[in-house]
């Protein structure tokens, strides 16, 4: 929910868990709509691409950052079927609850690990 900065997991129309999140900024808003989980990666490498971060378009000028808790995407990446957008951890948990991401949904590393236990490929994701 982009208005409350909360991610809720529902089972049988009942909220079973909720996590505080960081959403996209005004300049790079999180994509409102209906999506699906495309994949889950533990300890992902991060492709730092200024063009992608600023404009949502990949360029040939990028850096591959190593995996780990200090990675900008933290320890886990849940890919959505919206190119370049995912639900992921962070190396800066103090930013959780603010609108500062580049469109992704960011959770504390400890929360994204718990979330990944509740979702699988094909799980519907609604960003509103």
C-alpha atoms as a PDB file:
ATOM      1  CA  UNK A   1       0.000   0.000   0.000  1.00  0.00           C
ATOM      2  CA  UNK A   2       1.773   3.134  -1.236  1.00  0.00           C
ATOM      3  CA  UNK A   3      -0.330   5.355   1.031  1.00  0.00           C
ATOM      4  CA  UNK A   4       0.594   3.606   4.283  1.00  0.00           C
ATOM      5  CA  UNK A   5       4.029   2.213   3.323  1.00  0.00           C
ATOM      6  CA  UNK A   6       2.912  -1.240   4.439  1.00  0.00           C
ATOM      7  CA  UNK A   7       3.051  -4.611   2.686  1.00  0.00           C
ATOM      8  CA  UNK A   8       0.322  -7.027   3.754  1.00  0.00           C
ATOM      9  CA  UNK A   9       0.132 -10.755   3.090  1.00  0.00           C
ATOM     10  CA  UNK A  10      -3.378 -12.163   2.934  1.00  0.00           C
ATOM     11  CA  UNK A  11      -4.575 -15.749   3.029  1.00  0.00           C
ATOM     12  CA  UNK A  12      -8.273 -16.479   2.414  1.00  0.00           C
ATOM     13  CA  UNK A  13      -9.017 -12.717   2.459  1.00  0.00           C
ATOM     14  CA  UNK A  14      -7.470 -12.330   5.923  1.00  0.00           C
ATOM     15  CA  UNK A  15      -4.271 -10.353   6.597  1.00  0.00           C
ATOM     16  CA  UNK A  16      -1.829 -12.754   8.247  1.00  0.00           C
ATOM     17  CA  UNK A  17       1.246 -10.535   8.400  1.00  0.00           C
ATOM     18  CA  UNK A  18       2.248  -6.964   7.523  1.00  0.00           C
ATOM     19  CA  UNK A  19       5.641  -5.317   7.077  1.00  0.00           C
ATOM     20  CA  UNK A  20       6.717  -1.661   6.875  1.00  0.00           C
ATOM     21  CA  UNK A  21       8.203  -0.853   3.462  1.00  0.00           C
ATOM     22  CA  UNK A  22       9.879   1.834   1.445  1.00  0.00           C
ATOM     23  CA  UNK A  23       8.189   2.654  -1.840  1.00  0.00           C
ATOM     24  CA  UNK A  24       9.248   4.609  -4.904  1.00  0.00           C
ATOM     25  CA  UNK A  25       9.844   8.324  -4.730  1.00  0.00           C
ATOM     26  CA  UNK A  26       7.751  10.915  -6.532  1.00  0.00           C
ATOM     27  CA  UNK A  27      10.269  10.890  -9.390  1.00  0.00           C
ATOM     28  CA  UNK A  28      10.486   7.091  -9.626  1.00  0.00           C
ATOM     29  CA  UNK A  29       7.163   5.873  -8.276  1.00  0.00           C
ATOM     30  CA  UNK A  30       6.375   2.239  -7.575  1.00  0.00           C
ATOM     31  CA  UNK A  31       4.262   0.865 -10.451  1.00  0.00           C
ATOM     32  CA  UNK A  32       0.648   0.717  -9.314  1.00  0.00           C
ATOM     33  CA  UNK A  33      -1.120  -2.324 -10.704  1.00  0.00           C
ATOM     34  CA  UNK A  34      -1.467  -6.076 -10.574  1.00  0.00           C
ATOM     35  CA  UNK A  35       1.746  -8.103 -10.875  1.00  0.00           C
ATOM     36  CA  UNK A  36       3.051 -11.606 -10.148  1.00  0.00           C
ATOM     37  CA  UNK A  37       6.167 -13.000  -8.503  1.00  0.00           C
ATOM     38  CA  UNK A  38       8.504 -14.087 -11.313  1.00  0.00           C
ATOM     39  CA  UNK A  39      11.327 -15.478  -9.189  1.00  0.00           C
ATOM     40  CA  UNK A  40      13.152 -15.349  -5.862  1.00  0.00           C
ATOM     41  CA  UNK A  41      16.930 -14.919  -5.566  1.00  0.00           C
ATOM     42  CA  UNK A  42      18.899 -15.299  -2.360  1.00  0.00           C
ATOM     43  CA  UNK A  43      22.048 -13.205  -2.049  1.00  0.00           C
ATOM     44  CA  UNK A  44      21.489 -11.433  -5.388  1.00  0.00           C
ATOM     45  CA  UNK A  45      24.073  -9.405  -7.243  1.00  0.00           C
ATOM     46  CA  UNK A  46      22.935  -5.850  -7.944  1.00  0.00           C
ATOM     47  CA  UNK A  47      23.241  -4.231 -11.363  1.00  0.00           C
ATOM     48  CA  UNK A  48      23.901  -0.566 -10.608  1.00  0.00           C
ATOM     49  CA  UNK A  49      22.846   1.316 -13.720  1.00  0.00           C
ATOM     50  CA  UNK A  50      22.243   5.045 -13.340  1.00  0.00           C
ATOM     51  CA  UNK A  51      20.027   5.145 -16.455  1.00  0.00           C
ATOM     52  CA  UNK A  52      17.830   2.362 -15.041  1.00  0.00           C
ATOM     53  CA  UNK A  53      17.633   3.970 -11.609  1.00  0.00           C
ATOM     54  CA  UNK A  54      16.737   7.403 -12.975  1.00  0.00           C
ATOM     55  CA  UNK A  55      14.654   6.581 -16.049  1.00  0.00           C
ATOM     56  CA  UNK A  56      13.733   2.880 -15.881  1.00  0.00           C
ATOM     57  CA  UNK A  57      15.792   2.011 -18.971  1.00  0.00           C
ATOM     58  CA  UNK A  58      18.892  -0.179 -19.011  1.00  0.00           C
ATOM     59  CA  UNK A  59      22.110   1.200 -20.467  1.00  0.00           C
ATOM     60  CA  UNK A  60      25.430  -0.338 -21.399  1.00  0.00           C
ATOM     61  CA  UNK A  61      27.145   1.539 -18.564  1.00  0.00           C
ATOM     62  CA  UNK A  62      26.652  -0.381 -15.342  1.00  0.00           C
ATOM     63  CA  UNK A  63      28.468  -2.040 -12.445  1.00  0.00           C
ATOM     64  CA  UNK A  64      27.704  -5.433 -10.941  1.00  0.00           C
ATOM     65  CA  UNK A  65      27.864  -5.098  -7.167  1.00  0.00           C
ATOM     66  CA  UNK A  66      28.614  -8.148  -5.026  1.00  0.00           C
ATOM     67  CA  UNK A  67      25.931  -9.915  -2.991  1.00  0.00           C
ATOM     68  CA  UNK A  68      25.569  -9.579   0.741  1.00  0.00           C
ATOM     69  CA  UNK A  69      23.844  -7.580   3.457  1.00  0.00           C
ATOM     70  CA  UNK A  70      25.551  -4.363   2.298  1.00  0.00           C
ATOM     71  CA  UNK A  71      24.089  -4.676  -1.202  1.00  0.00           C
ATOM     72  CA  UNK A  72      21.508  -2.013  -2.135  1.00  0.00           C
ATOM     73  CA  UNK A  73      19.009  -4.880  -2.654  1.00  0.00           C
ATOM     74  CA  UNK A  74      19.978  -6.634   0.558  1.00  0.00           C
ATOM     75  CA  UNK A  75      20.003 -10.397   0.961  1.00  0.00           C
ATOM     76  CA  UNK A  76      16.961 -11.336  -1.110  1.00  0.00           C
ATOM     77  CA  UNK A  77      15.275 -10.238  -4.368  1.00  0.00           C
ATOM     78  CA  UNK A  78      11.688 -11.145  -5.244  1.00  0.00           C
ATOM     79  CA  UNK A  79      11.365 -10.360  -8.957  1.00  0.00           C
ATOM     80  CA  UNK A  80       8.038  -9.180 -10.299  1.00  0.00           C
ATOM     81  CA  UNK A  81       6.820  -9.482 -13.861  1.00  0.00           C
ATOM     82  CA  UNK A  82       7.528  -5.756 -14.272  1.00  0.00           C
ATOM     83  CA  UNK A  83      11.053  -5.383 -15.668  1.00  0.00           C
ATOM     84  CA  UNK A  84      13.510  -3.944 -13.167  1.00  0.00           C
ATOM     85  CA  UNK A  85      11.006  -3.895 -10.306  1.00  0.00           C
ATOM     86  CA  UNK A  86      11.110  -6.187  -7.310  1.00  0.00           C
ATOM     87  CA  UNK A  87      10.510  -6.590  -3.627  1.00  0.00           C
ATOM     88  CA  UNK A  88      13.857  -6.711  -1.855  1.00  0.00           C
ATOM     89  CA  UNK A  89      15.932  -6.148   1.232  1.00  0.00           C
ATOM     90  CA  UNK A  90      18.188  -3.177   1.900  1.00  0.00           C
ATOM     91  CA  UNK A  91      21.552  -2.243   3.337  1.00  0.00           C
ATOM     92  CA  UNK A  92      19.940   0.827   4.922  1.00  0.00           C
ATOM     93  CA  UNK A  93      17.008  -0.280   7.116  1.00  0.00           C
ATOM     94  CA  UNK A  94      16.675   3.262   8.488  1.00  0.00           C
ATOM     95  CA  UNK A  95      15.055   4.256   5.158  1.00  0.00           C
ATOM     96  CA  UNK A  96      12.109   1.886   5.671  1.00  0.00           C
ATOM     97  CA  UNK A  97       8.807   3.744   5.809  1.00  0.00           C
ATOM     98  CA  UNK A  98       9.860   6.521   3.434  1.00  0.00           C
ATOM     99  CA  UNK A  99       9.303   7.091  -0.288  1.00  0.00           C
ATOM    100  CA  UNK A 100      12.915   6.860  -1.448  1.00  0.00           C
ATOM    101  CA  UNK A 101      13.316   3.790  -3.648  1.00  0.00           C
ATOM    102  CA  UNK A 102      13.643   3.794  -7.432  1.00  0.00           C
ATOM    103  CA  UNK A 103      10.278   2.070  -7.860  1.00  0.00           C
ATOM    104  CA  UNK A 104      10.918  -1.157  -5.988  1.00  0.00           C
ATOM    105  CA  UNK A 105       9.327  -2.205  -2.711  1.00  0.00           C
ATOM    106  CA  UNK A 106      12.064  -2.306  -0.061  1.00  0.00           C
ATOM    107  CA  UNK A 107      11.914  -4.163   3.265  1.00  0.00           C
ATOM    108  CA  UNK A 108      14.427  -4.683   6.051  1.00  0.00           C
ATOM    109  CA  UNK A 109      16.553  -7.762   5.292  1.00  0.00           C
ATOM    110  CA  UNK A 110      15.025  -9.682   8.203  1.00  0.00           C
ATOM    111  CA  UNK A 111      11.494  -8.975   6.913  1.00  0.00           C
ATOM    112  CA  UNK A 112      12.124  -9.847   3.252  1.00  0.00           C
ATOM    113  CA  UNK A 113      13.518 -13.236   4.320  1.00  0.00           C
ATOM    114  CA  UNK A 114      10.302 -13.929   6.237  1.00  0.00           C
ATOM    115  CA  UNK A 115       8.185 -12.687   3.329  1.00  0.00           C
ATOM    116  CA  UNK A 116       9.960 -15.035   0.893  1.00  0.00           C
ATOM    117  CA  UNK A 117       8.802 -17.984   3.001  1.00  0.00           C
ATOM    118  CA  UNK A 118       5.184 -16.980   2.226  1.00  0.00           C
ATOM    119  CA  UNK A 119       5.384 -16.394  -1.545  1.00  0.00           C
ATOM    120  CA  UNK A 120       6.339 -18.426  -4.606  1.00  0.00           C
ATOM    121  CA  UNK A 121       6.543 -17.974  -8.356  1.00  0.00           C
ATOM    122  CA  UNK A 122       3.105 -16.933  -9.587  1.00  0.00           C
ATOM    123  CA  UNK A 123       1.950 -15.319  -6.325  1.00  0.00           C
ATOM    124  CA  UNK A 124      -0.173 -12.252  -7.189  1.00  0.00           C
ATOM    125  CA  UNK A 125       1.138  -8.867  -6.025  1.00  0.00           C
ATOM    126  CA  UNK A 126      -1.061  -5.788  -5.941  1.00  0.00           C
ATOM    127  CA  UNK A 127       0.634  -2.403  -5.688  1.00  0.00           C
ATOM    128  CA  UNK A 128      -1.909   0.267  -4.845  1.00  0.00           C
END
